[in-house]
Protein backbone atom coordinates (compact mmCIF):
# COMPACT_ATOMS: atom_id res chain seq x y z
CA UNK A 1 0.00 0.00 0.00
CA UNK A 2 2.75 2.48 0.91
CA UNK A 3 4.66 1.55 -2.23
CA UNK A 4 1.99 3.36 -4.23
CA UNK A 5 2.36 6.54 -2.18
CA UNK A 6 6.17 6.65 -2.10
CA UNK A 7 6.92 5.24 -5.54
CA UNK A 8 6.26 2.08 -7.40
CA UNK A 9 9.18 -0.24 -6.67
CA UNK A 10 8.05 -2.76 -9.25
CA UNK A 11 8.63 -0.16 -11.95
CA UNK A 12 12.34 0.04 -11.21
CA UNK A 13 12.59 -3.76 -11.12
CA UNK A 14 10.70 -3.93 -14.39
CA UNK A 15 12.97 -1.32 -15.97
CA UNK A 16 16.07 -3.23 -14.91
CA UNK A 17 14.71 -6.53 -16.20
CA UNK A 18 13.70 -4.98 -19.51
CA UNK A 19 17.08 -3.30 -19.94
CA UNK A 20 18.87 -6.60 -19.26
CA UNK A 21 16.60 -8.46 -21.67
CA UNK A 22 17.01 -5.74 -24.26
CA UNK A 23 20.81 -5.87 -23.99
CA UNK A 24 20.75 -9.64 -24.45
CA UNK A 25 18.35 -9.27 -27.36
CA UNK A 26 20.68 -6.80 -29.08
CA UNK A 27 23.54 -9.27 -28.69
CA UNK A 28 21.49 -12.10 -30.19
CA UNK A 29 20.30 -9.87 -33.02
CA UNK A 30 23.85 -8.78 -33.89
CA UNK A 31 25.00 -12.40 -33.84
CA UNK A 32 22.18 -13.47 -36.19
CA UNK A 33 22.85 -10.53 -38.50
CA UNK A 34 26.51 -11.45 -38.83
CA UNK A 35 25.58 -15.10 -39.46
CA UNK A 36 23.06 -14.04 -42.12
CA UNK A 37 25.59 -11.76 -43.81
CA UNK A 38 28.17 -14.55 -43.95
CA UNK A 39 25.52 -16.98 -45.18
CA UNK A 40 24.63 -14.63 -48.04
CA UNK A 41 28.28 -14.53 -49.11
CA UNK A 42 28.49 -18.32 -48.91
CA UNK A 43 25.33 -18.65 -50.99
CA UNK A 44 26.79 -16.42 -53.70
CA UNK A 45 29.97 -18.52 -53.76
CA UNK A 46 28.00 -21.78 -53.91
CA UNK A 47 25.87 -20.57 -56.81
CA UNK A 48 28.93 -19.32 -58.71
CA UNK A 49 30.64 -22.69 -58.23
CA UNK A 50 27.59 -24.65 -59.43
CA UNK A 51 26.42 -26.15 -56.11
CA UNK A 52 22.76 -25.16 -56.42
CA UNK A 53 21.40 -28.06 -54.34
CA UNK A 54 23.51 -27.12 -51.31
CA UNK A 55 22.61 -23.44 -51.87
CA UNK A 56 18.89 -24.29 -51.69
CA UNK A 57 19.39 -25.93 -48.29
CA UNK A 58 21.29 -22.92 -47.04
CA UNK A 59 18.58 -20.54 -48.27
CA UNK A 60 16.17 -22.20 -45.82
CA UNK A 61 18.59 -21.44 -43.00
CA UNK A 62 18.92 -17.84 -44.23
CA UNK A 63 15.13 -17.44 -44.21
CA UNK A 64 15.00 -18.73 -40.63
CA UNK A 65 17.74 -16.33 -39.57
CA UNK A 66 15.99 -13.39 -41.25
CA UNK A 67 12.74 -14.34 -39.48
CA UNK A 68 14.54 -14.43 -36.13
CA UNK A 69 16.07 -11.02 -36.79
CA UNK A 70 12.62 -9.60 -37.56
CA UNK A 71 11.23 -11.15 -34.35
CA UNK A 72 14.10 -9.66 -32.34
CA UNK A 73 13.35 -6.23 -33.81
CA UNK A 74 9.68 -6.55 -32.88
CA UNK A 75 10.62 -7.51 -29.32
CA UNK A 76 12.98 -4.54 -29.14
CA UNK A 77 10.16 -2.19 -30.18
CA UNK A 78 7.87 -3.84 -27.63
CA UNK A 79 10.44 -3.35 -24.84
CA UNK A 80 10.85 0.29 -25.88
CA UNK A 81 7.07 0.77 -25.75
CA UNK A 82 6.86 -0.72 -22.26
CA UNK A 83 9.68 1.50 -20.99
CA UNK A 84 7.93 4.58 -22.35
CA UNK A 85 4.57 3.60 -20.81
CA UNK A 86 5.77 2.74 -17.28
CA UNK A 87 4.97 6.21 -15.96
CA UNK A 88 1.44 5.94 -17.36
CA UNK A 89 1.03 2.51 -15.77
CA UNK A 90 2.17 3.93 -12.45
CA UNK A 91 -0.30 6.82 -12.63
CA UNK A 92 -3.11 4.49 -13.65
CA UNK A 93 -2.31 2.17 -10.74
CA UNK A 94 -2.51 5.11 -8.31
CA UNK A 95 -5.92 6.12 -9.69
CA UNK A 96 -7.17 2.55 -9.28
CA UNK A 97 -5.90 2.60 -5.69
CA UNK A 98 -7.85 5.82 -4.99
CA UNK A 99 -11.02 4.34 -6.48
CA UNK A 100 -10.61 1.22 -4.35
CA UNK A 101 -9.98 3.35 -1.26
CA UNK A 102 -13.09 5.44 -1.99
CA UNK A 103 -15.25 2.32 -2.28
CA UNK A 104 -13.78 0.92 0.93
CA UNK A 105 -14.50 4.13 2.86
CA UNK A 106 -18.03 4.35 1.45
CA UNK A 107 -18.69 0.74 2.46
CA UNK A 108 -17.48 1.45 5.98
CA UNK A 109 -19.97 4.30 6.40
CA UNK A 110 -22.93 2.55 4.77
CA UNK A 111 -22.39 -0.86 6.41
CA UNK A 112 -20.30 -0.28 9.54
CA UNK A 113 -20.57 -3.88 10.79
CA UNK A 114 -19.89 -5.78 7.58
């Protein structure tokens, strides 16, 4: 209850967790991007050397890597959105607390023995 009045401690924990997850996500995204870039070069070499069958198999891996990179970017945008909205969530939580407190006080005066 007092956490709402003096500051929402879960917000700072949430910020720290999101920042850690975001840092790890950036690392994974950079790793996948470098793998995809190298895979594109390998595909070009395979096609030039006449190994089309092997190149087709590698294209599937490239598509998977590109899909993962897109998913990582979406998660990064989602984390950014959450970080920007934490202050709104905190304010909204305080308003809900005031509404709950108002109902509790009204119930005490209307039904003092319940």
